[in-house]
Amino acid sequence: MSNIRRKYNKEQKLEIVKLSLNEDQSVVGLAERFNVSANTIYYWRSKYIREAEEAFPDQEKELINKDKRQIKQLKRQLREVQSEIEILKKGQKFITPRGG
């Protein structure tokens, strides 16, 4: 039997955790039902109890935030390069000889 790692999105994790917190649901039963280890469910539960809804950040939102940070950094670098170009253009006036 191969161990294929499944990825669960935020909604799936929340559903499994909330079901596991019901007294009529066993963690082992849920683990079999959702094809996830019982230890993983216990880990998700403890994380949910500590952090509530923020326990499982949306991976799409994380990627978007990462992209936004990268765009911000690239814009900052662009401004720096543009400033350097302006400084060089202004300095060039003093370096180039005036024809006569």
PDB file of N, CA and C in Angstrom:
ATOM      1  N   MET A   1       0.836  -1.169   0.000  1.00  0.00           N
ATOM      2  CA  MET A   1       0.000   0.000   0.000  1.00  0.00           C
ATOM      3  C   MET A   1       0.891   1.246   0.000  1.00  0.00           C
ATOM      4  N   SER A   2       0.649   2.139  -0.953  1.00  0.00           N
ATOM      5  CA  SER A   2       1.470   3.352  -1.026  1.00  0.00           C
ATOM      6  C   SER A   2       0.850   4.446  -0.171  1.00  0.00           C
ATOM      7  N   ASN A   3       1.707   5.244   0.395  1.00  0.00           N
ATOM      8  CA  ASN A   3       1.249   6.362   1.208  1.00  0.00           C
ATOM      9  C   ASN A   3       1.221   7.621   0.365  1.00  0.00           C
ATOM     10  N   ILE A   4       0.075   7.901  -0.226  1.00  0.00           N
ATOM     11  CA  ILE A   4      -0.093   9.110  -1.014  1.00  0.00           C
ATOM     12  C   ILE A   4      -0.574  10.202  -0.079  1.00  0.00           C
ATOM     13  N   ARG A   5       0.147  11.287  -0.061  1.00  0.00           N
ATOM     14  CA  ARG A   5      -0.180  12.385   0.842  1.00  0.00           C
ATOM     15  C   ARG A   5      -1.285  13.231   0.228  1.00  0.00           C
ATOM     16  N   ARG A   6      -2.410  13.294   0.902  1.00  0.00           N
ATOM     17  CA  ARG A   6      -3.527  14.120   0.453  1.00  0.00           C
ATOM     18  C   ARG A   6      -3.414  15.490   1.074  1.00  0.00           C
ATOM     19  N   LYS A   7      -3.900  16.467   0.362  1.00  0.00           N
ATOM     20  CA  LYS A   7      -3.952  17.817   0.906  1.00  0.00           C
ATOM     21  C   LYS A   7      -5.411  18.147   1.162  1.00  0.00           C
ATOM     22  N   TYR A   8      -5.655  18.685   2.322  1.00  0.00           N
ATOM     23  CA  TYR A   8      -7.007  19.062   2.710  1.00  0.00           C
ATOM     24  C   TYR A   8      -7.078  20.579   2.779  1.00  0.00           C
ATOM     25  N   ASN A   9      -8.124  21.140   2.185  1.00  0.00           N
ATOM     26  CA  ASN A   9      -8.258  22.590   2.254  1.00  0.00           C
ATOM     27  C   ASN A   9      -8.858  22.997   3.596  1.00  0.00           C
ATOM     28  N   LYS A  10      -8.953  24.284   3.793  1.00  0.00           N
ATOM     29  CA  LYS A  10      -9.419  24.815   5.076  1.00  0.00           C
ATOM     30  C   LYS A  10     -10.801  24.283   5.438  1.00  0.00           C
ATOM     31  N   GLU A  11     -11.707  24.288   4.480  1.00  0.00           N
ATOM     32  CA  GLU A  11     -13.083  23.848   4.752  1.00  0.00           C
ATOM     33  C   GLU A  11     -13.133  22.385   5.160  1.00  0.00           C
ATOM     34  N   GLN A  12     -12.343  21.549   4.484  1.00  0.00           N
ATOM     35  CA  GLN A  12     -12.311  20.127   4.817  1.00  0.00           C
ATOM     36  C   GLN A  12     -11.770  19.912   6.223  1.00  0.00           C
ATOM     37  N   LYS A  13     -10.691  20.614   6.556  1.00  0.00           N
ATOM     38  CA  LYS A  13     -10.115  20.465   7.893  1.00  0.00           C
ATOM     39  C   LYS A  13     -11.101  20.909   8.956  1.00  0.00           C
ATOM     40  N   LEU A  14     -11.751  22.046   8.710  1.00  0.00           N
ATOM     41  CA  LEU A  14     -12.728  22.539   9.686  1.00  0.00           C
ATOM     42  C   LEU A  14     -13.878  21.555   9.863  1.00  0.00           C
ATOM     43  N   GLU A  15     -14.354  20.985   8.772  1.00  0.00           N
ATOM     44  CA  GLU A  15     -15.442  20.009   8.853  1.00  0.00           C
ATOM     45  C   GLU A  15     -15.030  18.804   9.698  1.00  0.00           C
ATOM     46  N   ILE A  16     -13.850  18.262   9.422  1.00  0.00           N
ATOM     47  CA  ILE A  16     -13.371  17.090  10.150  1.00  0.00           C
ATOM     48  C   ILE A  16     -13.180  17.422  11.626  1.00  0.00           C
ATOM     49  N   VAL A  17     -12.583  18.591  11.916  1.00  0.00           N
ATOM     50  CA  VAL A  17     -12.342  18.992  13.307  1.00  0.00           C
ATOM     51  C   VAL A  17     -13.665  19.165  14.039  1.00  0.00           C
ATOM     52  N   LYS A  18     -14.612  19.849  13.426  1.00  0.00           N
ATOM     53  CA  LYS A  18     -15.894  20.088  14.101  1.00  0.00           C
ATOM     54  C   LYS A  18     -16.635  18.782  14.342  1.00  0.00           C
ATOM     55  N   LEU A  19     -16.538  17.864  13.375  1.00  0.00           N
ATOM     56  CA  LEU A  19     -17.156  16.556  13.587  1.00  0.00           C
ATOM     57  C   LEU A  19     -16.461  15.811  14.726  1.00  0.00           C
ATOM     58  N   SER A  20     -15.147  15.959  14.818  1.00  0.00           N
ATOM     59  CA  SER A  20     -14.404  15.243  15.862  1.00  0.00           C
ATOM     60  C   SER A  20     -14.697  15.805  17.249  1.00  0.00           C
ATOM     61  N   LEU A  21     -15.130  17.050  17.306  1.00  0.00           N
ATOM     62  CA  LEU A  21     -15.451  17.648  18.599  1.00  0.00           C
ATOM     63  C   LEU A  21     -16.839  17.244  19.109  1.00  0.00           C
ATOM     64  N   ASN A  22     -17.656  16.694  18.206  1.00  0.00           N
ATOM     65  CA  ASN A  22     -18.953  16.157  18.638  1.00  0.00           C
ATOM     66  C   ASN A  22     -18.725  14.877  19.422  1.00  0.00           C
ATOM     67  N   GLU A  23     -19.452  14.718  20.495  1.00  0.00           N
ATOM     68  CA  GLU A  23     -19.257  13.549  21.348  1.00  0.00           C
ATOM     69  C   GLU A  23     -19.699  12.253  20.693  1.00  0.00           C
ATOM     70  N   ASP A  24     -20.582  12.335  19.700  1.00  0.00           N
ATOM     71  CA  ASP A  24     -21.061  11.110  19.063  1.00  0.00           C
ATOM     72  C   ASP A  24     -20.173  10.648  17.907  1.00  0.00           C
ATOM     73  N   GLN A  25     -19.075  11.359  17.646  1.00  0.00           N
ATOM     74  CA  GLN A  25     -18.153  10.985  16.574  1.00  0.00           C
ATOM     75  C   GLN A  25     -16.819  10.548  17.189  1.00  0.00           C
ATOM     76  N   SER A  26     -16.316   9.413  16.740  1.00  0.00           N
ATOM     77  CA  SER A  26     -14.989   8.995  17.226  1.00  0.00           C
ATOM     78  C   SER A  26     -13.929   9.453  16.234  1.00  0.00           C
ATOM     79  N   VAL A  27     -12.782   9.806  16.744  1.00  0.00           N
ATOM     80  CA  VAL A  27     -11.691  10.267  15.905  1.00  0.00           C
ATOM     81  C   VAL A  27     -11.236   9.144  14.969  1.00  0.00           C
ATOM     82  N   VAL A  28     -11.180   7.937  15.491  1.00  0.00           N
ATOM     83  CA  VAL A  28     -10.761   6.801  14.669  1.00  0.00           C
ATOM     84  C   VAL A  28     -11.740   6.582  13.519  1.00  0.00           C
ATOM     85  N   GLY A  29     -13.035   6.680  13.816  1.00  0.00           N
ATOM     86  CA  GLY A  29     -14.052   6.535  12.774  1.00  0.00           C
ATOM     87  C   GLY A  29     -13.934   7.619  11.715  1.00  0.00           C
ATOM     88  N   LEU A  30     -13.704   8.841  12.145  1.00  0.00           N
ATOM     89  CA  LEU A  30     -13.528   9.939  11.200  1.00  0.00           C
ATOM     90  C   LEU A  30     -12.256   9.761  10.372  1.00  0.00           C
ATOM     91  N   ALA A  31     -11.216   9.262  11.019  1.00  0.00           N
ATOM     92  CA  ALA A  31      -9.953   9.030  10.315  1.00  0.00           C
ATOM     93  C   ALA A  31     -10.156   8.035   9.177  1.00  0.00           C
ATOM     94  N   GLU A  32     -10.892   6.975   9.448  1.00  0.00           N
ATOM     95  CA  GLU A  32     -11.171   5.983   8.408  1.00  0.00           C
ATOM     96  C   GLU A  32     -12.073   6.569   7.332  1.00  0.00           C
ATOM     97  N   ARG A  33     -13.076   7.311   7.761  1.00  0.00           N
ATOM     98  CA  ARG A  33     -14.057   7.891   6.830  1.00  0.00           C
ATOM     99  C   ARG A  33     -13.399   8.887   5.872  1.00  0.00           C
ATOM    100  N   PHE A  34     -12.490   9.718   6.377  1.00  0.00           N
ATOM    101  CA  PHE A  34     -11.880  10.758   5.551  1.00  0.00           C
ATOM    102  C   PHE A  34     -10.481  10.385   5.062  1.00  0.00           C
ATOM    103  N   ASN A  35     -10.054   9.161   5.345  1.00  0.00           N
ATOM    104  CA  ASN A  35      -8.754   8.664   4.896  1.00  0.00           C
ATOM    105  C   ASN A  35      -7.612   9.565   5.369  1.00  0.00           C
ATOM    106  N   VAL A  36      -7.617   9.835   6.668  1.00  0.00           N
ATOM    107  CA  VAL A  36      -6.579  10.643   7.298  1.00  0.00           C
ATOM    108  C   VAL A  36      -6.231   9.969   8.619  1.00  0.00           C
ATOM    109  N   SER A  37      -5.024  10.146   9.083  1.00  0.00           N
ATOM    110  CA  SER A  37      -4.649   9.478  10.331  1.00  0.00           C
ATOM    111  C   SER A  37      -5.316  10.152  11.532  1.00  0.00           C
ATOM    112  N   ALA A  38      -5.546   9.376  12.554  1.00  0.00           N
ATOM    113  CA  ALA A  38      -6.148   9.906  13.778  1.00  0.00           C
ATOM    114  C   ALA A  38      -5.233  10.965  14.403  1.00  0.00           C
ATOM    115  N   ASN A  39      -3.916  10.736  14.324  1.00  0.00           N
ATOM    116  CA  ASN A  39      -2.972  11.720  14.867  1.00  0.00           C
ATOM    117  C   ASN A  39      -3.109  13.071  14.176  1.00  0.00           C
ATOM    118  N   THR A  40      -3.349  13.030  12.873  1.00  0.00           N
ATOM    119  CA  THR A  40      -3.534  14.281  12.136  1.00  0.00           C
ATOM    120  C   THR A  40      -4.774  15.004  12.622  1.00  0.00           C
ATOM    121  N   ILE A  41      -5.833  14.282  12.864  1.00  0.00           N
ATOM    122  CA  ILE A  41      -7.065  14.904  13.362  1.00  0.00           C
ATOM    123  C   ILE A  41      -6.828  15.502  14.747  1.00  0.00           C
ATOM    124  N   TYR A  42      -6.126  14.786  15.594  1.00  0.00           N
ATOM    125  CA  TYR A  42      -5.818  15.329  16.924  1.00  0.00           C
ATOM    126  C   TYR A  42      -4.973  16.602  16.804  1.00  0.00           C
ATOM    127  N   TYR A  43      -4.030  16.596  15.879  1.00  0.00           N
ATOM    128  CA  TYR A  43      -3.198  17.779  15.657  1.00  0.00           C
ATOM    129  C   TYR A  43      -4.055  18.945  15.181  1.00  0.00           C
ATOM    130  N   TRP A  44      -4.939  18.702  14.203  1.00  0.00           N
ATOM    131  CA  TRP A  44      -5.821  19.752  13.699  1.00  0.00           C
ATOM    132  C   TRP A  44      -6.718  20.284  14.805  1.00  0.00           C
ATOM    133  N   ARG A  45      -7.214  19.362  15.643  1.00  0.00           N
ATOM    134  CA  ARG A  45      -8.089  19.783  16.751  1.00  0.00           C
ATOM    135  C   ARG A  45      -7.353  20.702  17.711  1.00  0.00           C
ATOM    136  N   SER A  46      -6.154  20.321  18.098  1.00  0.00           N
ATOM    137  CA  SER A  46      -5.423  21.154  19.051  1.00  0.00           C
ATOM    138  C   SER A  46      -5.103  22.516  18.436  1.00  0.00           C
ATOM    139  N   LYS A  47      -4.787  22.525  17.173  1.00  0.00           N
ATOM    140  CA  LYS A  47      -4.505  23.779  16.481  1.00  0.00           C
ATOM    141  C   LYS A  47      -5.776  24.630  16.408  1.00  0.00           C
ATOM    142  N   TYR A  48      -6.899  23.998  16.134  1.00  0.00           N
ATOM    143  CA  TYR A  48      -8.175  24.713  16.058  1.00  0.00           C
ATOM    144  C   TYR A  48      -8.559  25.288  17.426  1.00  0.00           C
ATOM    145  N   ILE A  49      -8.334  24.531  18.471  1.00  0.00           N
ATOM    146  CA  ILE A  49      -8.667  24.990  19.827  1.00  0.00           C
ATOM    147  C   ILE A  49      -7.803  26.197  20.201  1.00  0.00           C
ATOM    148  N   ARG A  50      -6.539  26.192  19.794  1.00  0.00           N
ATOM    149  CA  ARG A  50      -5.630  27.312  20.097  1.00  0.00           C
ATOM    150  C   ARG A  50      -5.896  28.537  19.232  1.00  0.00           C
ATOM    151  N   GLU A  51      -6.144  28.316  17.928  1.00  0.00           N
ATOM    152  CA  GLU A  51      -6.170  29.433  16.989  1.00  0.00           C
ATOM    153  C   GLU A  51      -7.514  29.677  16.314  1.00  0.00           C
ATOM    154  N   ALA A  52      -8.489  28.844  16.571  1.00  0.00           N
ATOM    155  CA  ALA A  52      -9.837  28.954  15.978  1.00  0.00           C
ATOM    156  C   ALA A  52      -9.757  28.953  14.452  1.00  0.00           C
ATOM    157  N   GLU A  53     -10.493  29.843  13.807  1.00  0.00           N
ATOM    158  CA  GLU A  53     -10.591  29.845  12.340  1.00  0.00           C
ATOM    159  C   GLU A  53      -9.254  30.139  11.660  1.00  0.00           C
ATOM    160  N   GLU A  54      -8.345  30.821  12.346  1.00  0.00           N
ATOM    161  CA  GLU A  54      -7.056  31.152  11.756  1.00  0.00           C
ATOM    162  C   GLU A  54      -6.094  29.962  11.765  1.00  0.00           C
ATOM    163  N   ALA A  55      -6.520  28.860  12.324  1.00  0.00           N
ATOM    164  CA  ALA A  55      -5.653  27.686  12.427  1.00  0.00           C
ATOM    165  C   ALA A  55      -5.280  27.125  11.061  1.00  0.00           C
ATOM    166  N   PHE A  56      -6.154  27.284  10.092  1.00  0.00           N
ATOM    167  CA  PHE A  56      -5.927  26.706   8.774  1.00  0.00           C
ATOM    168  C   PHE A  56      -6.014  27.803   7.716  1.00  0.00           C
ATOM    169  N   PRO A  57      -4.913  28.490   7.479  1.00  0.00           N
ATOM    170  CA  PRO A  57      -4.966  29.577   6.500  1.00  0.00           C
ATOM    171  C   PRO A  57      -5.226  29.040   5.098  1.00  0.00           C
ATOM    172  N   ASP A  58      -5.918  29.829   4.326  1.00  0.00           N
ATOM    173  CA  ASP A  58      -6.205  29.470   2.945  1.00  0.00           C
ATOM    174  C   ASP A  58      -4.913  29.520   2.145  1.00  0.00           C
ATOM    175  N   GLN A  59      -4.579  28.440   1.481  1.00  0.00           N
ATOM    176  CA  GLN A  59      -3.330  28.406   0.728  1.00  0.00           C
ATOM    177  C   GLN A  59      -3.365  29.371  -0.447  1.00  0.00           C
ATOM    178  N   GLU A  60      -4.545  29.556  -1.046  1.00  0.00           N
ATOM    179  CA  GLU A  60      -4.650  30.514  -2.138  1.00  0.00           C
ATOM    180  C   GLU A  60      -4.363  31.920  -1.633  1.00  0.00           C
ATOM    181  N   LYS A  61      -4.897  32.253  -0.466  1.00  0.00           N
ATOM    182  CA  LYS A  61      -4.650  33.576   0.096  1.00  0.00           C
ATOM    183  C   LYS A  61      -3.181  33.754   0.436  1.00  0.00           C
ATOM    184  N   GLU A  62      -2.552  32.694   0.915  1.00  0.00           N
ATOM    185  CA  GLU A  62      -1.127  32.760   1.221  1.00  0.00           C
ATOM    186  C   GLU A  62      -0.327  33.050  -0.042  1.00  0.00           C
ATOM    187  N   LEU A  63      -0.676  32.379  -1.144  1.00  0.00           N
ATOM    188  CA  LEU A  63       0.026  32.608  -2.399  1.00  0.00           C
ATOM    189  C   LEU A  63      -0.195  34.028  -2.894  1.00  0.00           C
ATOM    190  N   ILE A  64      -1.423  34.517  -2.764  1.00  0.00           N
ATOM    191  CA  ILE A  64      -1.726  35.882  -3.183  1.00  0.00           C
ATOM    192  C   ILE A  64      -0.924  36.871  -2.345  1.00  0.00           C
ATOM    193  N   ASN A  65      -0.876  36.651  -1.029  1.00  0.00           N
ATOM    194  CA  ASN A  65      -0.098  37.541  -0.165  1.00  0.00           C
ATOM    195  C   ASN A  65       1.386  37.487  -0.510  1.00  0.00           C
ATOM    196  N   LYS A  66       1.871  36.302  -0.828  1.00  0.00           N
ATOM    197  CA  LYS A  66       3.278  36.159  -1.206  1.00  0.00           C
ATOM    198  C   LYS A  66       3.544  36.929  -2.497  1.00  0.00           C
ATOM    199  N   ASP A  67       2.632  36.815  -3.454  1.00  0.00           N
ATOM    200  CA  ASP A  67       2.767  37.547  -4.712  1.00  0.00           C
ATOM    201  C   ASP A  67       2.715  39.054  -4.473  1.00  0.00           C
ATOM    202  N   LYS A  68       1.828  39.494  -3.595  1.00  0.00           N
ATOM    203  CA  LYS A  68       1.724  40.921  -3.295  1.00  0.00           C
ATOM    204  C   LYS A  68       3.010  41.444  -2.672  1.00  0.00           C
ATOM    205  N   ARG A  69       3.597  40.659  -1.760  1.00  0.00           N
ATOM    206  CA  ARG A  69       4.867  41.063  -1.155  1.00  0.00           C
ATOM    207  C   ARG A  69       5.964  41.164  -2.205  1.00  0.00           C
ATOM    208  N   GLN A  70       5.979  40.210  -3.129  1.00  0.00           N
ATOM    209  CA  GLN A  70       6.994  40.216  -4.171  1.00  0.00           C
ATOM    210  C   GLN A  70       6.802  41.421  -5.093  1.00  0.00           C
ATOM    211  N   ILE A  71       5.569  41.735  -5.447  1.00  0.00           N
ATOM    212  CA  ILE A  71       5.281  42.896  -6.291  1.00  0.00           C
ATOM    213  C   ILE A  71       5.730  44.170  -5.591  1.00  0.00           C
ATOM    214  N   LYS A  72       5.432  44.276  -4.298  1.00  0.00           N
ATOM    215  CA  LYS A  72       5.839  45.449  -3.530  1.00  0.00           C
ATOM    216  C   LYS A  72       7.356  45.597  -3.537  1.00  0.00           C
ATOM    217  N   GLN A  73       8.066  44.487  -3.348  1.00  0.00           N
ATOM    218  CA  GLN A  73       9.524  44.503  -3.342  1.00  0.00           C
ATOM    219  C   GLN A  73      10.059  44.910  -4.715  1.00  0.00           C
ATOM    220  N   LEU A  74       9.466  44.382  -5.782  1.00  0.00           N
ATOM    221  CA  LEU A  74       9.924  44.714  -7.129  1.00  0.00           C
ATOM    222  C   LEU A  74       9.672  46.185  -7.455  1.00  0.00           C
ATOM    223  N   LYS A  75       8.540  46.719  -6.995  1.00  0.00           N
ATOM    224  CA  LYS A  75       8.256  48.135  -7.214  1.00  0.00           C
ATOM    225  C   LYS A  75       9.273  49.006  -6.488  1.00  0.00           C
ATOM    226  N   ARG A  76       9.642  48.605  -5.274  1.00  0.00           N
ATOM    227  CA  ARG A  76      10.641  49.346  -4.511  1.00  0.00           C
ATOM    228  C   ARG A  76      11.985  49.324  -5.243  1.00  0.00           C
ATOM    229  N   GLN A  77      12.365  48.156  -5.754  1.00  0.00           N
ATOM    230  CA  GLN A  77      13.620  48.048  -6.499  1.00  0.00           C
ATOM    231  C   GLN A  77      13.578  48.903  -7.761  1.00  0.00           C
ATOM    232  N   LEU A  78      12.436  48.931  -8.435  1.00  0.00           N
ATOM    233  CA  LEU A  78      12.291  49.738  -9.636  1.00  0.00           C
ATOM    234  C   LEU A  78      12.468  51.222  -9.321  1.00  0.00           C
ATOM    235  N   ARG A  79      11.856  51.674  -8.222  1.00  0.00           N
ATOM    236  CA  ARG A  79      12.011  53.077  -7.819  1.00  0.00           C
ATOM    237  C   ARG A  79      13.474  53.403  -7.535  1.00  0.00           C
ATOM    238  N   GLU A  80      14.173  52.502  -6.884  1.00  0.00           N
ATOM    239  CA  GLU A  80      15.589  52.722  -6.574  1.00  0.00           C
ATOM    240  C   GLU A  80      16.414  52.840  -7.847  1.00  0.00           C
ATOM    241  N   VAL A  81      16.166  51.960  -8.805  1.00  0.00           N
ATOM    242  CA  VAL A  81      16.909  51.980 -10.064  1.00  0.00           C
ATOM    243  C   VAL A  81      16.581  53.253 -10.841  1.00  0.00           C
ATOM    244  N   GLN A  82      15.302  53.648 -10.844  1.00  0.00           N
ATOM    245  CA  GLN A  82      14.926  54.878 -11.526  1.00  0.00           C
ATOM    246  C   GLN A  82      15.610  56.085 -10.895  1.00  0.00           C
ATOM    247  N   SER A  83      15.726  56.101  -9.573  1.00  0.00           N
ATOM    248  CA  SER A  83      16.426  57.191  -8.883  1.00  0.00           C
ATOM    249  C   SER A  83      17.901  57.211  -9.271  1.00  0.00           C
ATOM    250  N   GLU A  84      18.510  56.045  -9.333  1.00  0.00           N
ATOM    251  CA  GLU A  84      19.914  55.968  -9.719  1.00  0.00           C
ATOM    252  C   GLU A  84      20.118  56.487 -11.137  1.00  0.00           C
ATOM    253  N   ILE A  85      19.205  56.158 -12.029  1.00  0.00           N
ATOM    254  CA  ILE A  85      19.302  56.628 -13.416  1.00  0.00           C
ATOM    255  C   ILE A  85      19.212  58.149 -13.460  1.00  0.00           C
ATOM    256  N   GLU A  86      18.283  58.719 -12.702  1.00  0.00           N
ATOM    257  CA  GLU A  86      18.144  60.176 -12.657  1.00  0.00           C
ATOM    258  C   GLU A  86      19.406  60.836 -12.124  1.00  0.00           C
ATOM    259  N   ILE A  87      19.992  60.270 -11.095  1.00  0.00           N
ATOM    260  CA  ILE A  87      21.234  60.808 -10.531  1.00  0.00           C
ATOM    261  C   ILE A  87      22.353  60.761 -11.571  1.00  0.00           C
ATOM    262  N   LEU A  88      22.444  59.641 -12.292  1.00  0.00           N
ATOM    263  CA  LEU A  88      23.479  59.513 -13.317  1.00  0.00           C
ATOM    264  C   LEU A  88      23.272  60.511 -14.456  1.00  0.00           C
ATOM    265  N   LYS A  89      22.019  60.726 -14.843  1.00  0.00           N
ATOM    266  CA  LYS A  89      21.727  61.695 -15.906  1.00  0.00           C
ATOM    267  C   LYS A  89      22.148  63.094 -15.470  1.00  0.00           C
ATOM    268  N   LYS A  90      21.829  63.468 -14.228  1.00  0.00           N
ATOM    269  CA  LYS A  90      22.189  64.789 -13.724  1.00  0.00           C
ATOM    270  C   LYS A  90      23.694  64.926 -13.601  1.00  0.00           C
ATOM    271  N   GLY A  91      24.381  63.894 -13.194  1.00  0.00           N
ATOM    272  CA  GLY A  91      25.828  63.922 -13.049  1.00  0.00           C
ATOM    273  C   GLY A  91      26.536  63.969 -14.374  1.00  0.00           C
ATOM    274  N   GLN A  92      25.885  63.448 -15.407  1.00  0.00           N
ATOM    275  CA  GLN A  92      26.492  63.399 -16.733  1.00  0.00           C
ATOM    276  C   GLN A  92      26.727  64.828 -17.271  1.00  0.00           C
ATOM    277  N   LYS A  93      25.884  65.748 -16.890  1.00  0.00           N
ATOM    278  CA  LYS A  93      26.040  67.131 -17.337  1.00  0.00           C
ATOM    279  C   LYS A  93      27.408  67.697 -16.937  1.00  0.00           C
ATOM    280  N   PHE A  94      27.873  67.316 -15.767  1.00  0.00           N
ATOM    281  CA  PHE A  94      29.132  67.844 -15.251  1.00  0.00           C
ATOM    282  C   PHE A  94      30.339  67.118 -15.815  1.00  0.00           C
ATOM    283  N   ILE A  95      30.123  65.931 -16.323  1.00  0.00           N
ATOM    284  CA  ILE A  95      31.249  65.116 -16.810  1.00  0.00           C
ATOM    285  C   ILE A  95      31.512  65.367 -18.290  1.00  0.00           C
ATOM    286  N   THR A  96      30.469  65.487 -19.094  1.00  0.00           N
ATOM    287  CA  THR A  96      30.654  65.635 -20.530  1.00  0.00           C
ATOM    288  C   THR A  96      31.186  67.024 -20.849  1.00  0.00           C
ATOM    289  N   PRO A  97      32.188  67.075 -21.702  1.00  0.00           N
ATOM    290  CA  PRO A  97      32.755  68.383 -22.057  1.00  0.00           C
ATOM    291  C   PRO A  97      31.790  69.172 -22.952  1.00  0.00           C
ATOM    292  N   ARG A  98      31.816  70.460 -22.761  1.00  0.00           N
ATOM    293  CA  ARG A  98      30.944  71.320 -23.564  1.00  0.00           C
ATOM    294  C   ARG A  98      31.699  71.671 -24.856  1.00  0.00           C
ATOM    295  N   GLY A  99      31.008  71.437 -25.933  1.00  0.00           N
ATOM    296  CA  GLY A  99      31.644  71.687 -27.234  1.00  0.00           C
ATOM    297  C   GLY A  99      31.755  73.166 -27.561  1.00  0.00           C
ATOM    298  N   GLY A 100      32.725  73.502 -28.389  1.00  0.00           N
ATOM    299  CA  GLY A 100      32.817  74.908 -28.662  1.00  0.00           C
ATOM    300  C   GLY A 100      33.517  75.211 -29.841  1.00  0.00           C
TER     301      GLY A 100
END
